[in-house]
C-alpha cells in the first residue's frame, strides 16, 4: 500500500506502557511510539540500525553504557548489535526508523 493514515494503524504494546504504530516496507520499519511516563525499555540489542527521533517528552537513553536525557529535536543513532535501554521520564512521543525491516515487530 502506498498511502496510509496513522490514525488507522492499530498500536501494539511492545513493552509495558510502550505503544507503537508500525509501518513496514520491504527494507525498513518505522515505529511511532507513545510511551507512558515511567515506562521502561529493557536493555537489549538487535541486528538493526536504529534512528530515534524525539518529538515530545523527556527520555533517558542508555546506549553502549552512556546515559543521556533526550528531548524534542534530539536524535539518537544506535548501530546494529549495540546494547541499549531507556526510560520515559515524562510521557513521550518518539519516531524510530529501523533498517532492515523488524520482522519481529510484524
N, C-alpha and C. Protein backbone atom coordinates (compact mmCIF):
# COMPACT_ATOMS: atom_id res chain seq x y z
N UNK A 1 0.85 -1.18 0.00
CA UNK A 1 0.00 0.00 0.00
C UNK A 1 0.90 1.24 0.00
N UNK A 2 0.59 2.20 -0.83
CA UNK A 2 1.40 3.40 -0.95
C UNK A 2 1.08 4.44 0.11
N UNK A 3 -0.19 4.61 0.43
CA UNK A 3 -0.59 5.63 1.38
C UNK A 3 -1.31 5.00 2.57
N UNK A 4 -1.01 5.52 3.76
CA UNK A 4 -1.68 5.10 4.97
C UNK A 4 -1.95 6.34 5.82
N UNK A 5 -2.88 6.22 6.75
CA UNK A 5 -3.11 7.29 7.72
C UNK A 5 -2.82 6.74 9.10
N UNK A 6 -1.99 7.45 9.86
CA UNK A 6 -1.54 6.97 11.17
C UNK A 6 -2.71 6.61 12.08
N UNK A 7 -3.80 7.36 12.00
CA UNK A 7 -4.96 7.08 12.86
C UNK A 7 -5.61 5.74 12.54
N UNK A 8 -5.31 5.16 11.39
CA UNK A 8 -5.92 3.89 11.00
C UNK A 8 -5.00 2.69 11.28
N UNK A 9 -3.87 2.94 11.90
CA UNK A 9 -2.94 1.86 12.25
C UNK A 9 -3.11 1.55 13.74
N UNK A 10 -3.35 0.29 14.05
CA UNK A 10 -3.51 -0.12 15.44
C UNK A 10 -2.16 -0.11 16.16
N UNK A 11 -2.16 0.39 17.39
CA UNK A 11 -0.95 0.41 18.21
C UNK A 11 -0.77 -0.95 18.87
N UNK A 12 0.50 -1.37 19.00
CA UNK A 12 0.85 -2.61 19.71
C UNK A 12 1.65 -2.23 20.94
N UNK A 13 1.33 -2.84 22.08
CA UNK A 13 2.11 -2.62 23.30
C UNK A 13 3.29 -3.60 23.26
N UNK A 14 4.49 -3.09 22.98
CA UNK A 14 5.67 -3.93 22.82
C UNK A 14 6.46 -4.10 24.11
N UNK A 15 6.20 -3.25 25.07
CA UNK A 15 6.71 -3.36 26.44
C UNK A 15 5.67 -2.64 27.29
N UNK A 16 5.59 -2.92 28.59
CA UNK A 16 4.57 -2.26 29.41
C UNK A 16 4.64 -0.73 29.29
N UNK A 17 3.52 -0.13 28.86
CA UNK A 17 3.44 1.32 28.73
C UNK A 17 4.10 1.88 27.49
N UNK A 18 4.54 1.00 26.58
CA UNK A 18 5.23 1.41 25.35
C UNK A 18 4.43 0.94 24.14
N UNK A 19 3.70 1.86 23.53
CA UNK A 19 2.81 1.56 22.43
C UNK A 19 3.39 2.06 21.13
N UNK A 20 3.38 1.22 20.09
CA UNK A 20 3.94 1.61 18.79
C UNK A 20 2.95 1.34 17.67
N UNK A 21 2.86 2.30 16.76
CA UNK A 21 2.18 2.11 15.49
C UNK A 21 3.29 1.85 14.48
N UNK A 22 3.21 0.70 13.80
CA UNK A 22 4.32 0.21 12.99
C UNK A 22 3.99 0.24 11.50
N UNK A 23 4.93 0.75 10.74
CA UNK A 23 4.83 0.76 9.28
C UNK A 23 6.02 -0.04 8.76
N UNK A 24 5.73 -1.06 7.97
CA UNK A 24 6.77 -1.93 7.44
C UNK A 24 6.84 -1.81 5.92
N UNK A 25 8.07 -1.77 5.40
CA UNK A 25 8.29 -1.88 3.97
C UNK A 25 9.18 -3.10 3.75
N UNK A 26 9.58 -3.33 2.53
CA UNK A 26 10.48 -4.45 2.26
C UNK A 26 11.84 -4.26 2.91
N UNK A 27 12.22 -3.00 3.19
CA UNK A 27 13.57 -2.70 3.65
C UNK A 27 13.68 -2.05 5.01
N UNK A 28 12.59 -1.54 5.55
CA UNK A 28 12.70 -0.82 6.82
C UNK A 28 11.40 -0.88 7.60
N UNK A 29 11.49 -0.51 8.86
CA UNK A 29 10.32 -0.35 9.73
C UNK A 29 10.39 1.03 10.36
N UNK A 30 9.24 1.70 10.40
CA UNK A 30 9.11 2.97 11.11
C UNK A 30 8.12 2.74 12.25
N UNK A 31 8.51 3.15 13.45
CA UNK A 31 7.67 2.99 14.64
C UNK A 31 7.34 4.35 15.22
N UNK A 32 6.05 4.64 15.35
CA UNK A 32 5.58 5.85 16.05
C UNK A 32 5.23 5.41 17.46
N UNK A 33 6.06 5.80 18.43
CA UNK A 33 5.93 5.36 19.82
C UNK A 33 5.20 6.39 20.67
N UNK A 34 4.31 5.92 21.52
CA UNK A 34 3.73 6.69 22.63
C UNK A 34 4.11 5.92 23.89
N UNK A 35 4.85 6.59 24.75
CA UNK A 35 5.31 5.95 25.98
C UNK A 35 4.71 6.67 27.18
N UNK A 36 4.22 5.90 28.12
CA UNK A 36 3.69 6.47 29.36
C UNK A 36 4.86 6.88 30.25
N UNK A 37 4.67 7.92 31.04
CA UNK A 37 5.71 8.33 32.00
C UNK A 37 6.07 7.15 32.87
N UNK A 38 7.36 6.90 33.03
CA UNK A 38 7.85 5.80 33.85
C UNK A 38 8.03 4.49 33.10
N UNK A 39 7.55 4.40 31.86
CA UNK A 39 7.70 3.16 31.09
C UNK A 39 9.18 2.93 30.79
N UNK A 40 9.57 1.67 30.82
CA UNK A 40 10.97 1.33 30.59
C UNK A 40 11.12 0.36 29.42
N UNK A 41 12.15 0.57 28.65
CA UNK A 41 12.54 -0.35 27.59
C UNK A 41 13.75 -1.11 28.14
N UNK A 42 13.60 -2.41 28.38
CA UNK A 42 14.71 -3.17 28.97
C UNK A 42 15.94 -3.18 28.05
N UNK A 43 17.09 -3.39 28.65
CA UNK A 43 18.34 -3.47 27.88
C UNK A 43 18.24 -4.60 26.86
N UNK A 44 18.64 -4.30 25.64
CA UNK A 44 18.59 -5.27 24.55
C UNK A 44 19.51 -4.81 23.42
N UNK A 45 19.71 -5.66 22.47
CA UNK A 45 20.43 -5.34 21.24
C UNK A 45 19.75 -6.08 20.11
N UNK A 46 19.88 -5.57 18.90
CA UNK A 46 19.30 -6.21 17.72
C UNK A 46 20.17 -5.91 16.52
N UNK A 47 20.02 -6.69 15.46
CA UNK A 47 20.88 -6.51 14.28
C UNK A 47 20.49 -5.32 13.41
N UNK A 48 19.50 -4.55 13.84
CA UNK A 48 19.01 -3.43 13.04
C UNK A 48 19.70 -2.13 13.41
N UNK A 49 19.97 -1.30 12.43
CA UNK A 49 20.38 0.07 12.69
C UNK A 49 19.11 0.82 13.09
N UNK A 50 19.21 1.71 14.07
CA UNK A 50 18.03 2.42 14.59
C UNK A 50 18.34 3.90 14.70
N UNK A 51 17.40 4.71 14.23
CA UNK A 51 17.50 6.15 14.40
C UNK A 51 16.24 6.59 15.15
N UNK A 52 16.44 7.09 16.38
CA UNK A 52 15.33 7.51 17.24
C UNK A 52 15.22 9.03 17.21
N UNK A 53 14.03 9.51 16.91
CA UNK A 53 13.76 10.95 16.82
C UNK A 53 12.76 11.33 17.92
N UNK A 54 13.20 12.16 18.87
CA UNK A 54 12.31 12.59 19.96
C UNK A 54 11.43 13.73 19.46
N UNK A 55 10.14 13.57 19.62
CA UNK A 55 9.18 14.59 19.20
C UNK A 55 8.64 15.33 20.42
N UNK A 56 8.24 14.59 21.45
CA UNK A 56 7.69 15.18 22.68
C UNK A 56 8.21 14.42 23.88
N UNK A 57 8.42 15.13 24.99
CA UNK A 57 8.76 14.50 26.25
C UNK A 57 10.25 14.41 26.51
N UNK A 58 10.58 13.76 27.61
CA UNK A 58 11.97 13.56 28.04
C UNK A 58 12.19 12.06 28.24
N UNK A 59 13.24 11.56 27.60
CA UNK A 59 13.53 10.13 27.61
C UNK A 59 14.99 9.93 27.99
N UNK A 60 15.24 9.02 28.91
CA UNK A 60 16.60 8.71 29.32
C UNK A 60 17.08 7.48 28.55
N UNK A 61 18.01 7.70 27.64
CA UNK A 61 18.59 6.63 26.83
C UNK A 61 19.91 6.19 27.45
N UNK A 62 20.15 4.90 27.45
CA UNK A 62 21.48 4.37 27.73
C UNK A 62 21.88 3.56 26.50
N UNK A 63 22.94 4.00 25.83
CA UNK A 63 23.42 3.35 24.62
C UNK A 63 24.89 3.01 24.81
N UNK A 64 25.20 1.73 24.76
CA UNK A 64 26.57 1.26 24.91
C UNK A 64 27.21 1.81 26.19
N UNK A 65 26.42 1.83 27.27
CA UNK A 65 26.92 2.26 28.58
C UNK A 65 26.90 3.75 28.83
N UNK A 66 26.51 4.55 27.84
CA UNK A 66 26.46 6.00 28.00
C UNK A 66 25.00 6.42 28.16
N UNK A 67 24.70 7.16 29.23
CA UNK A 67 23.33 7.59 29.52
C UNK A 67 23.19 9.08 29.23
N UNK A 68 22.08 9.42 28.56
CA UNK A 68 21.79 10.83 28.25
C UNK A 68 20.28 11.01 28.20
N UNK A 69 19.83 12.14 28.70
CA UNK A 69 18.41 12.50 28.59
C UNK A 69 18.23 13.25 27.27
N UNK A 70 17.25 12.80 26.48
CA UNK A 70 16.95 13.44 25.21
C UNK A 70 15.55 14.03 25.26
N UNK A 71 15.35 15.08 24.48
CA UNK A 71 14.06 15.75 24.41
C UNK A 71 13.73 16.12 22.97
N UNK A 72 12.69 16.91 22.78
CA UNK A 72 12.24 17.26 21.44
C UNK A 72 13.38 17.80 20.56
N UNK A 73 13.49 17.23 19.37
CA UNK A 73 14.52 17.63 18.44
C UNK A 73 15.80 16.82 18.53
N UNK A 74 15.96 16.05 19.60
CA UNK A 74 17.16 15.23 19.75
C UNK A 74 17.00 13.93 18.95
N UNK A 75 18.14 13.44 18.48
CA UNK A 75 18.18 12.21 17.68
C UNK A 75 19.25 11.30 18.28
N UNK A 76 18.91 10.03 18.39
CA UNK A 76 19.88 9.02 18.84
C UNK A 76 20.08 8.02 17.71
N UNK A 77 21.31 7.80 17.31
CA UNK A 77 21.64 6.80 16.30
C UNK A 77 22.24 5.61 17.03
N UNK A 78 21.61 4.45 16.85
CA UNK A 78 22.04 3.24 17.53
C UNK A 78 22.48 2.25 16.46
N UNK A 79 23.74 1.90 16.49
CA UNK A 79 24.29 0.99 15.50
C UNK A 79 23.83 -0.45 15.77
N UNK A 80 23.88 -1.31 14.77
CA UNK A 80 23.47 -2.71 14.95
C UNK A 80 24.24 -3.38 16.09
N UNK A 81 23.53 -4.21 16.83
CA UNK A 81 24.08 -5.06 17.89
C UNK A 81 24.67 -4.29 19.07
N UNK A 82 24.32 -3.02 19.23
CA UNK A 82 24.76 -2.23 20.38
C UNK A 82 23.67 -2.29 21.45
N UNK A 83 24.07 -2.64 22.66
CA UNK A 83 23.12 -2.77 23.78
C UNK A 83 22.59 -1.39 24.16
N UNK A 84 21.26 -1.30 24.35
CA UNK A 84 20.63 -0.04 24.72
C UNK A 84 19.36 -0.29 25.51
N UNK A 85 18.96 0.75 26.25
CA UNK A 85 17.75 0.69 27.08
C UNK A 85 17.25 2.11 27.26
N UNK A 86 16.12 2.25 27.92
CA UNK A 86 15.62 3.60 28.14
C UNK A 86 14.47 3.65 29.12
N UNK A 87 14.18 4.87 29.55
CA UNK A 87 13.07 5.12 30.47
C UNK A 87 12.43 6.45 30.12
N UNK A 88 11.11 6.44 30.01
CA UNK A 88 10.36 7.66 29.75
C UNK A 88 10.26 8.44 31.05
N UNK A 89 10.92 9.58 31.13
CA UNK A 89 10.85 10.42 32.33
C UNK A 89 9.54 11.17 32.40
N UNK A 90 8.95 11.41 31.22
CA UNK A 90 7.61 12.01 31.08
C UNK A 90 6.91 11.19 30.00
N UNK A 91 5.66 11.50 29.74
CA UNK A 91 5.01 10.90 28.57
C UNK A 91 5.80 11.32 27.34
N UNK A 92 6.01 10.41 26.41
CA UNK A 92 6.87 10.68 25.25
C UNK A 92 6.20 10.29 23.95
N UNK A 93 6.58 11.00 22.90
CA UNK A 93 6.27 10.61 21.52
C UNK A 93 7.59 10.58 20.78
N UNK A 94 7.89 9.43 20.19
CA UNK A 94 9.17 9.20 19.53
C UNK A 94 8.90 8.49 18.21
N UNK A 95 9.68 8.80 17.19
CA UNK A 95 9.60 8.09 15.91
C UNK A 95 10.94 7.42 15.67
N UNK A 96 10.91 6.10 15.50
CA UNK A 96 12.12 5.31 15.24
C UNK A 96 12.09 4.80 13.81
N UNK A 97 13.24 4.83 13.17
CA UNK A 97 13.43 4.15 11.90
C UNK A 97 14.40 3.00 12.11
N UNK A 98 14.07 1.83 11.57
CA UNK A 98 14.91 0.64 11.69
C UNK A 98 15.25 0.11 10.31
N UNK A 99 16.50 -0.28 10.13
CA UNK A 99 16.93 -0.93 8.90
C UNK A 99 17.78 -2.14 9.28
N UNK A 100 17.51 -3.30 8.72
CA UNK A 100 16.41 -3.64 7.83
C UNK A 100 15.09 -3.78 8.60
N UNK A 101 14.07 -4.23 7.92
CA UNK A 101 12.73 -4.39 8.48
C UNK A 101 12.77 -5.22 9.77
N UNK A 102 12.01 -4.79 10.77
CA UNK A 102 11.88 -5.53 12.03
C UNK A 102 10.84 -6.63 11.86
N UNK A 103 11.27 -7.78 11.39
CA UNK A 103 10.34 -8.92 11.22
C UNK A 103 9.71 -9.29 12.55
N UNK A 104 10.43 -9.12 13.65
CA UNK A 104 9.92 -9.47 14.97
C UNK A 104 8.79 -8.54 15.41
N UNK A 105 8.61 -7.41 14.76
CA UNK A 105 7.53 -6.48 15.11
C UNK A 105 6.28 -6.69 14.24
N UNK A 106 6.36 -7.56 13.26
CA UNK A 106 5.20 -7.79 12.38
C UNK A 106 4.15 -8.62 13.07
